[in-house]
Amino acid sequence: MSAVDTAWLRMEREKNQMTITGVIYLEPAPDFDKLLDVLKERLLVYDRFKKKIIWMGETPCWVEDKSFDIRNHVFEFDLQSEYKTTELDSFIGDLMSQSMDFGKPLWELYLIPETSRGSAIVAKLHHAIADGIALVSILLSLATIRPDGPFFDPASEYPARDRNHEKGFRSGLQFLFSEAKMVFNSLAKFLTMPSDTATQVKGPLQIRKKAAWSKALPLDKIKKCAADYNATINDLLLWFTCNALREYLLDLDQLNKHANIRIILPVNLRKKTDTDKLGNKFGLIFLTLPIGEEDSVMRLRNIQKQMRNIKNSREALVAYGVLALLGRAPETFKEFVVDFLSSKCSAVITNVPGPRKELFIAGSSMKEIMFWVPKSGKLGLGISLISYNNKVMLGLAADTGRVENPSEIIKIFERQAQEVIKDY
């Protein structure tokens, strides 16, 4: 196993599983055997889905699971009989709270014929297999562009990585001395960050997790609104998220004018042609959400300024190097880095651009998709933004010791976002 993949494996905690969970709503419910055939054809071509992890001393290795059977990983699940409801949130929360069976390949998929929003596929995959961009890309490769049409090619949709990060990755490694100042500045920022503001979303964790997700927002309105504010779509979505967290903490009387929440943002370091390759190939950047700022537009401008500065830095490259070091470092160093990151940040947030048009799985239409980012180390809040078919949704994965009802933040996000984009 590569050093970076090992780093994410070694961050596994009883109270924080390093897994990515996702739901795809379908209409109508696909035939289970037909879905199995699609998975055999499209998913099992990646041998890591047929391999388990064993430890050779201090080194984890991928080895073939000689007793592999796809029916040990793919299940048809009756939500009504098991949970006495057609709401998915409790089932997904349970999945997030339970450790995976490390005696077999680290993925599970559930076909749920009936939920309150139609049928659904729920997937759970371990971060050691690959990063979120790769895993979402591979799951989307199960889809076709028409009910009986050719399979969808995710590489045709995902944008190439930011050119500044590409330059940083190339010259930061191959021409280190010419880039030394920028790398040094990024490393200095990484090492000297002050501890994050103490708020309700930061602190000791429990085992129990909860999931919540928003209604789909129209991406065309968000685009027009972003243009009017001279901002990017990503700037606007981060602004909406900042505003929702601010109001949530105000309601809890846990906010002052100097309060901030520092978040970790994964940055894709893959080439456009590498989106379907497994493993972890991303860096991390650190962004401060100015939740204490009273002026809403000033909060947006603050986020924009930080994003501009980050794009011209080598932060993602430095973090990638730290992760590689973590994967090969002694246990004591690993614990130090995990504790360090946990003290500096309160949440992780990811923004995944999905397909722009409607897709189909096993002949059924994909209506909505949502994936929840894992919360590395000791972080208690994971925030996910994902677009699909000209719409965007927000998802929260929260430790119940930090956020008892993440749906409260979702409701605030929906209300505030709708208020801003309603006239576009």
Protein backbone atom coordinates (compact mmCIF):
# COMPACT_ATOMS: atom_id res chain seq x y z
CA MET A 1 0.00 0.00 0.00
CA SER A 2 1.28 3.45 -0.85
CA ALA A 3 2.41 5.78 1.93
CA VAL A 4 -0.52 8.21 1.45
CA ASP A 5 -3.13 5.41 1.35
CA THR A 6 -1.52 4.02 4.51
CA ALA A 7 -1.85 7.42 6.20
CA TRP A 8 -5.62 7.39 5.73
CA LEU A 9 -5.85 3.79 6.87
CA ARG A 10 -3.90 4.62 10.04
CA MET A 11 -6.28 7.48 10.86
CA GLU A 12 -9.05 4.94 11.45
CA ARG A 13 -10.57 5.38 14.92
CA GLU A 14 -13.30 3.57 16.80
CA LYS A 15 -15.05 6.93 17.08
CA ASN A 16 -14.29 8.07 13.51
CA GLN A 17 -14.43 5.59 10.65
CA MET A 18 -12.35 6.54 7.61
CA THR A 19 -15.15 5.71 5.18
CA ILE A 20 -16.98 7.52 2.42
CA THR A 21 -20.75 7.00 2.41
CA GLY A 22 -23.03 7.90 -0.47
CA VAL A 23 -26.60 7.63 -1.69
CA ILE A 24 -27.93 7.61 -5.25
CA TYR A 25 -31.69 8.00 -5.65
CA LEU A 26 -33.15 6.03 -8.57
CA GLU A 27 -36.48 5.82 -10.37
CA PRO A 28 -37.79 3.19 -10.76
CA ALA A 29 -36.06 0.64 -8.50
CA PRO A 30 -33.58 -1.34 -10.64
CA ASP A 31 -33.62 -5.11 -10.84
CA PHE A 32 -31.17 -6.51 -8.25
CA ASP A 33 -29.62 -9.11 -10.56
CA LYS A 34 -29.22 -6.54 -13.33
CA LEU A 35 -27.45 -4.25 -10.85
CA LEU A 36 -25.13 -7.12 -9.89
CA ASP A 37 -24.24 -7.61 -13.55
CA VAL A 38 -23.37 -3.91 -13.88
CA LEU A 39 -21.17 -4.07 -10.78
CA LYS A 40 -19.37 -7.17 -12.05
CA GLU A 41 -18.71 -5.49 -15.38
CA ARG A 42 -17.78 -2.01 -14.20
CA LEU A 43 -16.66 -2.15 -10.57
CA LEU A 44 -14.78 -5.43 -10.32
CA VAL A 45 -12.38 -4.45 -13.10
CA TYR A 46 -10.61 -2.59 -10.28
CA ASP A 47 -8.86 -5.36 -8.41
CA ARG A 48 -8.79 -3.42 -5.13
CA PHE A 49 -12.52 -4.17 -4.78
CA LYS A 50 -11.57 -7.86 -4.62
CA LYS A 51 -8.63 -7.40 -2.25
CA LYS A 52 -8.43 -7.15 1.51
CA ILE A 53 -5.77 -5.63 3.75
CA ILE A 54 -3.27 -7.63 5.77
CA TRP A 55 -0.38 -6.27 7.82
CA MET A 56 3.17 -7.42 7.16
CA GLY A 57 4.77 -6.14 10.33
CA GLU A 58 4.15 -2.37 10.25
CA THR A 59 3.27 -2.33 6.54
CA PRO A 60 -0.28 -2.85 5.21
CA CYS A 61 -0.59 -4.77 1.95
CA TRP A 62 -3.39 -5.44 -0.51
CA VAL A 63 -3.90 -9.19 -1.04
CA GLU A 64 -6.46 -11.10 -3.05
CA ASP A 65 -9.49 -12.28 -1.09
CA LYS A 66 -9.61 -15.89 -2.23
CA SER A 67 -13.12 -16.30 -0.84
CA PHE A 68 -14.45 -13.15 -2.54
CA ASP A 69 -18.15 -13.25 -3.39
CA ILE A 70 -19.89 -10.12 -4.61
CA ARG A 71 -23.02 -11.12 -2.67
CA ASN A 72 -21.05 -10.58 0.54
CA HIS A 73 -20.83 -6.92 -0.43
CA VAL A 74 -24.07 -6.12 -2.26
CA PHE A 75 -27.40 -6.47 -0.48
CA GLU A 76 -31.07 -5.82 -1.10
CA PHE A 77 -32.34 -4.05 2.01
CA ASP A 78 -35.93 -3.52 3.17
CA LEU A 79 -35.88 -0.23 5.04
CA GLN A 80 -39.50 -0.45 6.16
CA SER A 81 -39.18 -3.85 7.81
CA GLU A 82 -35.86 -3.03 9.51
CA TYR A 83 -36.45 0.61 10.54
CA LYS A 84 -40.26 0.95 10.38
CA THR A 85 -39.81 4.02 8.20
CA THR A 86 -38.95 4.98 4.64
CA GLU A 87 -36.56 7.74 5.75
CA LEU A 88 -32.92 6.90 5.03
CA ASP A 89 -31.18 9.08 7.63
CA SER A 90 -31.15 6.55 10.50
CA PHE A 91 -29.83 3.76 8.27
CA ILE A 92 -27.05 5.96 6.89
CA GLY A 93 -26.17 7.15 10.40
CA ASP A 94 -25.84 3.53 11.51
CA LEU A 95 -23.56 2.75 8.55
CA MET A 96 -21.33 5.70 9.43
CA SER A 97 -21.15 4.56 13.07
CA GLN A 98 -20.18 0.93 12.43
CA SER A 99 -16.67 -0.35 11.72
CA MET A 100 -16.14 -2.31 8.52
CA ASP A 101 -15.09 -5.95 8.42
CA PHE A 102 -11.36 -5.86 7.71
CA GLY A 103 -11.43 -9.57 6.94
CA LYS A 104 -12.76 -8.83 3.46
CA PRO A 105 -12.56 -6.04 0.84
CA LEU A 106 -13.60 -2.74 2.37
CA TRP A 107 -16.79 -1.82 0.55
CA GLU A 108 -20.54 -2.39 0.86
CA LEU A 109 -23.49 -1.50 -1.35
CA TYR A 110 -27.19 -1.65 -0.51
CA LEU A 111 -30.12 -1.53 -2.92
CA ILE A 112 -33.14 -0.13 -1.08
CA PRO A 113 -36.25 -0.50 -3.27
CA GLU A 114 -38.40 1.95 -1.31
CA THR A 115 -37.54 5.18 0.53
CA SER A 116 -39.44 8.42 1.03
CA ARG A 117 -37.71 9.80 -2.08
CA GLY A 118 -37.84 6.71 -4.31
CA SER A 119 -35.51 3.76 -4.49
CA ALA A 120 -31.86 4.22 -3.56
CA ILE A 121 -28.41 2.73 -3.69
CA VAL A 122 -26.35 3.37 -0.55
CA ALA A 123 -22.59 2.76 -0.76
CA LYS A 124 -19.91 2.65 1.92
CA LEU A 125 -16.25 2.53 0.88
CA HIS A 126 -13.03 2.85 2.85
CA HIS A 127 -10.75 5.83 2.23
CA ALA A 128 -7.74 3.51 1.90
CA ILE A 129 -9.15 2.27 -1.43
CA ALA A 130 -9.08 5.74 -2.96
CA ASP A 131 -9.92 9.38 -2.36
CA GLY A 132 -13.39 10.84 -2.78
CA ILE A 133 -12.88 12.10 -6.33
CA ALA A 134 -11.78 8.67 -7.52
CA LEU A 135 -14.49 6.76 -5.65
CA VAL A 136 -17.30 9.04 -6.82
CA SER A 137 -15.90 8.83 -10.34
CA ILE A 138 -15.85 5.03 -10.25
CA LEU A 139 -19.39 4.80 -8.86
CA LEU A 140 -20.58 7.18 -11.58
CA SER A 141 -18.92 4.95 -14.17
CA LEU A 142 -21.66 2.41 -13.35
CA ALA A 143 -24.09 4.77 -15.08
CA THR A 144 -25.10 5.09 -18.71
CA ILE A 145 -26.01 8.25 -20.61
CA ARG A 146 -29.34 6.71 -21.68
CA PRO A 147 -31.35 3.82 -20.16
CA ASP A 148 -29.84 1.38 -22.65
CA GLY A 149 -27.05 3.58 -23.92
CA PRO A 150 -23.25 3.56 -23.57
CA PHE A 151 -21.60 3.90 -20.19
CA PHE A 152 -20.80 7.35 -18.84
CA ASP A 153 -17.15 8.48 -18.89
CA PRO A 154 -16.46 10.51 -15.71
CA ALA A 155 -13.22 11.90 -17.19
CA SER A 156 -15.33 13.81 -19.71
CA GLU A 157 -17.01 15.75 -16.88
CA TYR A 158 -14.38 16.32 -14.19
CA PRO A 159 -12.29 19.45 -14.71
CA ALA A 160 -8.51 19.21 -14.84
CA ARG A 161 -6.90 20.18 -11.58
CA ASP A 162 -6.13 23.80 -10.86
CA ARG A 163 -3.13 24.89 -12.94
CA ASN A 164 -1.48 26.53 -9.93
CA HIS A 165 -1.60 23.29 -8.00
CA GLU A 166 -0.32 21.41 -11.06
CA LYS A 167 2.60 23.80 -11.29
CA GLY A 168 3.22 23.43 -7.58
CA PHE A 169 3.14 19.66 -7.75
CA ARG A 170 5.47 19.49 -10.75
CA SER A 171 8.01 22.13 -9.87
CA GLY A 172 7.72 21.66 -6.12
CA LEU A 173 9.00 18.12 -6.50
CA GLN A 174 11.27 18.31 -9.54
CA PHE A 175 12.68 21.80 -9.09
CA LEU A 176 12.44 22.13 -5.33
CA PHE A 177 15.12 24.78 -4.94
CA SER A 178 13.47 27.22 -7.36
CA GLU A 179 10.23 26.81 -5.42
CA ALA A 180 11.83 26.63 -1.98
CA LYS A 181 10.50 29.95 -0.70
CA MET A 182 6.88 29.18 -1.53
CA VAL A 183 7.15 25.65 -0.16
CA PHE A 184 8.81 26.98 3.00
CA ASN A 185 6.08 29.60 3.50
CA SER A 186 3.36 26.98 3.10
CA LEU A 187 5.11 24.64 5.52
CA ALA A 188 5.57 27.47 8.02
CA LYS A 189 1.85 28.28 7.85
CA PHE A 190 1.03 24.60 8.35
CA LEU A 191 3.24 24.33 11.44
CA THR A 192 2.46 27.68 13.08
CA MET A 193 -1.33 27.85 12.74
CA PRO A 194 -2.93 28.79 16.07
CA SER A 195 -5.51 26.48 17.58
CA ASP A 196 -9.03 26.88 16.24
CA THR A 197 -11.77 28.77 18.07
CA ALA A 198 -13.53 26.62 20.64
CA THR A 199 -17.16 26.10 19.57
CA GLN A 200 -19.82 23.41 19.90
CA VAL A 201 -18.65 21.70 16.68
CA LYS A 202 -15.20 21.03 18.15
CA GLY A 203 -14.44 18.69 21.05
CA PRO A 204 -14.56 15.07 22.28
CA LEU A 205 -16.29 12.57 20.00
CA GLN A 206 -18.79 9.78 20.50
CA ILE A 207 -19.26 6.68 18.35
CA ARG A 208 -22.72 7.58 17.09
CA LYS A 209 -22.90 9.61 13.84
CA LYS A 210 -25.81 11.27 12.08
CA ALA A 211 -26.28 12.27 8.45
CA ALA A 212 -28.41 14.98 6.90
CA TRP A 213 -28.67 16.46 3.44
CA SER A 214 -30.39 19.37 1.78
CA LYS A 215 -32.89 19.67 -1.01
CA ALA A 216 -31.34 20.27 -4.40
CA LEU A 217 -30.65 23.93 -5.24
CA PRO A 218 -30.73 25.14 -8.88
CA LEU A 219 -27.16 25.56 -10.10
CA ASP A 220 -28.11 28.04 -12.84
CA LYS A 221 -29.41 30.49 -10.22
CA ILE A 222 -26.27 30.05 -8.15
CA LYS A 223 -24.13 30.74 -11.24
CA LYS A 224 -26.01 33.98 -11.96
CA CYS A 225 -25.80 35.02 -8.34
CA ALA A 226 -22.06 34.29 -8.21
CA ALA A 227 -21.49 36.40 -11.32
CA ASP A 228 -23.42 39.28 -9.75
CA TYR A 229 -21.20 39.11 -6.66
CA ASN A 230 -18.06 38.78 -8.82
CA ALA A 231 -17.40 35.43 -7.17
CA THR A 232 -16.98 31.80 -8.16
CA ILE A 233 -19.62 29.15 -7.51
CA ASN A 234 -17.26 27.60 -4.95
CA ASP A 235 -16.89 30.97 -3.17
CA LEU A 236 -20.66 31.29 -2.96
CA LEU A 237 -21.21 27.76 -1.63
CA LEU A 238 -18.55 28.28 1.04
CA TRP A 239 -20.25 31.57 1.92
CA PHE A 240 -23.63 29.87 2.28
CA THR A 241 -22.02 27.22 4.50
CA CYS A 242 -20.28 29.86 6.63
CA ASN A 243 -23.56 31.75 7.07
CA ALA A 244 -25.41 28.60 8.12
CA LEU A 245 -22.77 27.67 10.72
CA ARG A 246 -22.79 31.24 12.01
CA GLU A 247 -26.56 31.27 12.59
CA TYR A 248 -26.46 27.78 14.14
CA LEU A 249 -23.82 28.85 16.67
CA LEU A 250 -25.60 32.16 17.32
CA ASP A 251 -28.70 30.18 18.22
CA LEU A 252 -26.56 28.23 20.71
CA ASP A 253 -25.13 31.49 22.09
CA GLN A 254 -21.61 30.33 21.17
CA LEU A 255 -20.38 33.17 19.01
CA ASN A 256 -18.38 36.35 19.45
CA LYS A 257 -17.05 38.87 16.93
CA HIS A 258 -13.60 37.25 16.95
CA ALA A 259 -14.84 33.70 16.33
CA ASN A 260 -13.68 31.68 13.34
CA ILE A 261 -13.97 28.09 12.23
CA ARG A 262 -10.97 26.67 10.41
CA ILE A 263 -11.81 23.96 7.90
CA ILE A 264 -9.79 21.49 5.85
CA LEU A 265 -10.43 21.47 2.11
CA PRO A 266 -9.15 18.51 0.06
CA VAL A 267 -7.55 19.61 -3.23
CA ASN A 268 -7.47 17.25 -6.19
CA LEU A 269 -3.91 16.68 -7.47
CA ARG A 270 -4.89 14.25 -10.21
CA LYS A 271 -4.58 14.85 -13.88
CA LYS A 272 -7.87 14.82 -15.76
CA THR A 273 -6.99 11.44 -17.21
CA ASP A 274 -6.35 9.97 -13.74
CA THR A 275 -9.84 10.37 -12.25
CA ASP A 276 -10.55 6.64 -12.53
CA LYS A 277 -7.31 5.49 -10.89
CA LEU A 278 -7.48 4.21 -7.34
CA GLY A 279 -5.41 5.41 -4.41
CA ASN A 280 -5.29 8.83 -2.75
CA LYS A 281 -3.90 11.73 -4.76
CA PHE A 282 -4.91 14.94 -3.08
CA GLY A 283 -3.50 17.60 -0.80
CA LEU A 284 -5.13 19.66 1.92
CA ILE A 285 -5.57 23.37 2.33
CA PHE A 286 -6.78 25.29 5.38
CA LEU A 287 -9.47 27.94 5.16
CA THR A 288 -10.92 30.06 7.94
CA LEU A 289 -14.66 30.66 7.86
CA PRO A 290 -15.16 34.16 9.39
CA ILE A 291 -18.30 33.26 11.34
CA GLY A 292 -17.73 36.13 13.79
CA GLU A 293 -17.94 38.80 11.07
CA GLU A 294 -21.30 40.56 11.33
CA ASP A 295 -21.41 41.85 7.73
CA SER A 296 -22.52 39.03 5.42
CA VAL A 297 -20.87 40.40 2.27
CA MET A 298 -17.63 40.96 4.17
CA ARG A 299 -17.70 37.26 5.05
CA LEU A 300 -17.85 36.47 1.33
CA ARG A 301 -14.98 38.84 0.50
CA ASN A 302 -12.88 37.34 3.29
CA ILE A 303 -13.40 33.83 1.88
CA GLN A 304 -12.58 35.04 -1.64
CA LYS A 305 -9.33 36.66 -0.50
CA GLN A 306 -8.22 33.51 1.29
CA MET A 307 -9.02 31.34 -1.74
CA ARG A 308 -6.96 33.60 -4.02
CA ASN A 309 -3.98 33.44 -1.67
CA ILE A 310 -4.26 29.67 -1.30
CA LYS A 311 -4.36 29.13 -5.07
CA ASN A 312 -1.01 30.91 -5.36
CA SER A 313 0.56 28.85 -2.57
CA ARG A 314 2.00 25.35 -2.29
CA GLU A 315 -0.18 24.33 0.66
CA ALA A 316 -1.74 21.33 -1.06
CA LEU A 317 1.69 20.01 -2.06
CA VAL A 318 3.10 20.39 1.45
CA ALA A 319 0.11 18.60 2.99
CA TYR A 320 0.47 15.78 0.47
CA GLY A 321 4.07 15.37 1.54
CA VAL A 322 3.09 15.35 5.22
CA LEU A 323 0.52 12.60 4.52
CA ALA A 324 3.14 10.53 2.71
CA LEU A 325 5.46 10.94 5.71
CA LEU A 326 2.64 10.03 8.08
CA GLY A 327 2.04 6.77 6.22
CA ARG A 328 5.58 5.58 6.94
CA ALA A 329 6.19 7.23 10.30
CA PRO A 330 6.22 5.56 13.74
CA GLU A 331 2.98 5.34 15.70
CA THR A 332 3.94 8.16 18.08
CA PHE A 333 4.49 10.57 15.19
CA LYS A 334 1.18 9.55 13.64
CA GLU A 335 -0.66 10.36 16.87
CA PHE A 336 1.14 13.71 17.09
CA VAL A 337 0.08 14.73 13.56
CA VAL A 338 -3.54 13.61 14.07
CA ASP A 339 -3.73 15.52 17.37
CA PHE A 340 -2.08 18.53 15.72
CA LEU A 341 -4.59 18.65 12.85
CA SER A 342 -7.50 18.12 15.22
CA SER A 343 -6.44 21.08 17.35
CA LYS A 344 -6.12 23.39 14.35
CA CYS A 345 -9.41 22.61 12.59
CA SER A 346 -13.06 21.98 13.37
CA ALA A 347 -14.41 20.44 10.17
CA VAL A 348 -13.59 19.11 6.72
CA ILE A 349 -15.46 20.27 3.64
CA THR A 350 -15.35 18.92 0.11
CA ASN A 351 -16.90 20.14 -3.12
CA VAL A 352 -17.31 17.53 -5.88
CA PRO A 353 -18.51 18.58 -9.35
CA GLY A 354 -20.77 15.83 -10.67
CA PRO A 355 -22.28 15.10 -14.09
CA ARG A 356 -24.14 17.95 -15.73
CA LYS A 357 -26.86 15.76 -17.28
CA GLU A 358 -29.17 12.99 -16.14
CA LEU A 359 -27.64 9.51 -15.98
CA PHE A 360 -29.02 5.98 -15.53
CA ILE A 361 -27.96 2.90 -13.55
CA ALA A 362 -29.21 -0.54 -14.62
CA GLY A 363 -31.86 1.24 -16.69
CA SER A 364 -33.13 3.44 -13.83
CA SER A 365 -32.86 7.22 -13.79
CA MET A 366 -30.47 8.79 -11.27
CA LYS A 367 -32.54 11.52 -9.62
CA GLU A 368 -30.14 12.79 -6.95
CA ILE A 369 -26.73 11.92 -5.55
CA MET A 370 -25.03 12.74 -2.25
CA PHE A 371 -21.73 11.60 -0.72
CA TRP A 372 -20.45 12.29 2.79
CA VAL A 373 -16.79 13.04 3.36
CA PRO A 374 -14.98 11.13 6.14
CA LYS A 375 -13.89 13.17 9.15
CA SER A 376 -10.19 12.50 9.55
CA GLY A 377 -8.68 11.92 12.96
CA LYS A 378 -10.71 13.63 15.68
CA LEU A 379 -12.86 16.02 13.64
CA GLY A 380 -16.56 15.87 14.40
CA LEU A 381 -18.11 17.53 11.35
CA GLY A 382 -17.87 16.63 7.65
CA ILE A 383 -19.48 18.91 5.05
CA SER A 384 -20.06 17.78 1.47
CA LEU A 385 -21.16 19.79 -1.55
CA ILE A 386 -21.94 17.92 -4.77
CA SER A 387 -23.53 18.99 -8.03
CA TYR A 388 -25.49 16.83 -10.45
CA ASN A 389 -27.80 17.52 -13.38
CA ASN A 390 -27.61 21.31 -12.90
CA LYS A 391 -28.39 21.12 -9.18
CA VAL A 392 -26.29 21.19 -6.02
CA MET A 393 -26.83 19.69 -2.55
CA LEU A 394 -25.20 20.06 0.86
CA GLY A 395 -24.62 17.05 3.11
CA LEU A 396 -23.50 16.92 6.75
CA ALA A 397 -21.97 13.96 8.59
CA ALA A 398 -21.79 14.84 12.26
CA ASP A 399 -20.66 13.27 15.49
CA THR A 400 -23.65 13.40 17.85
CA GLY A 401 -21.42 14.66 20.65
CA ARG A 402 -20.75 17.78 18.60
CA VAL A 403 -23.90 18.31 16.52
CA GLU A 404 -26.89 16.39 17.84
CA ASN A 405 -29.19 17.30 14.95
CA PRO A 406 -27.29 18.19 11.75
CA SER A 407 -30.64 18.67 10.01
CA GLU A 408 -30.91 21.99 11.90
CA ILE A 409 -27.85 23.33 10.05
CA ILE A 410 -29.25 21.98 6.78
CA LYS A 411 -32.52 23.87 7.27
CA ILE A 412 -30.63 27.10 7.94
CA PHE A 413 -28.47 26.53 4.84
CA GLU A 414 -31.53 25.95 2.64
CA ARG A 415 -33.38 29.01 3.94
CA GLN A 416 -30.42 31.37 3.66
CA ALA A 417 -29.33 30.13 0.24
CA GLN A 418 -32.86 30.39 -1.14
CA GLU A 419 -33.11 33.93 0.22
CA VAL A 420 -29.94 34.98 -1.66
CA ILE A 421 -30.72 33.29 -5.02
CA LYS A 422 -34.51 33.73 -5.12
CA ASP A 423 -34.42 36.69 -7.55
CA TYR A 424 -32.05 35.09 -10.08
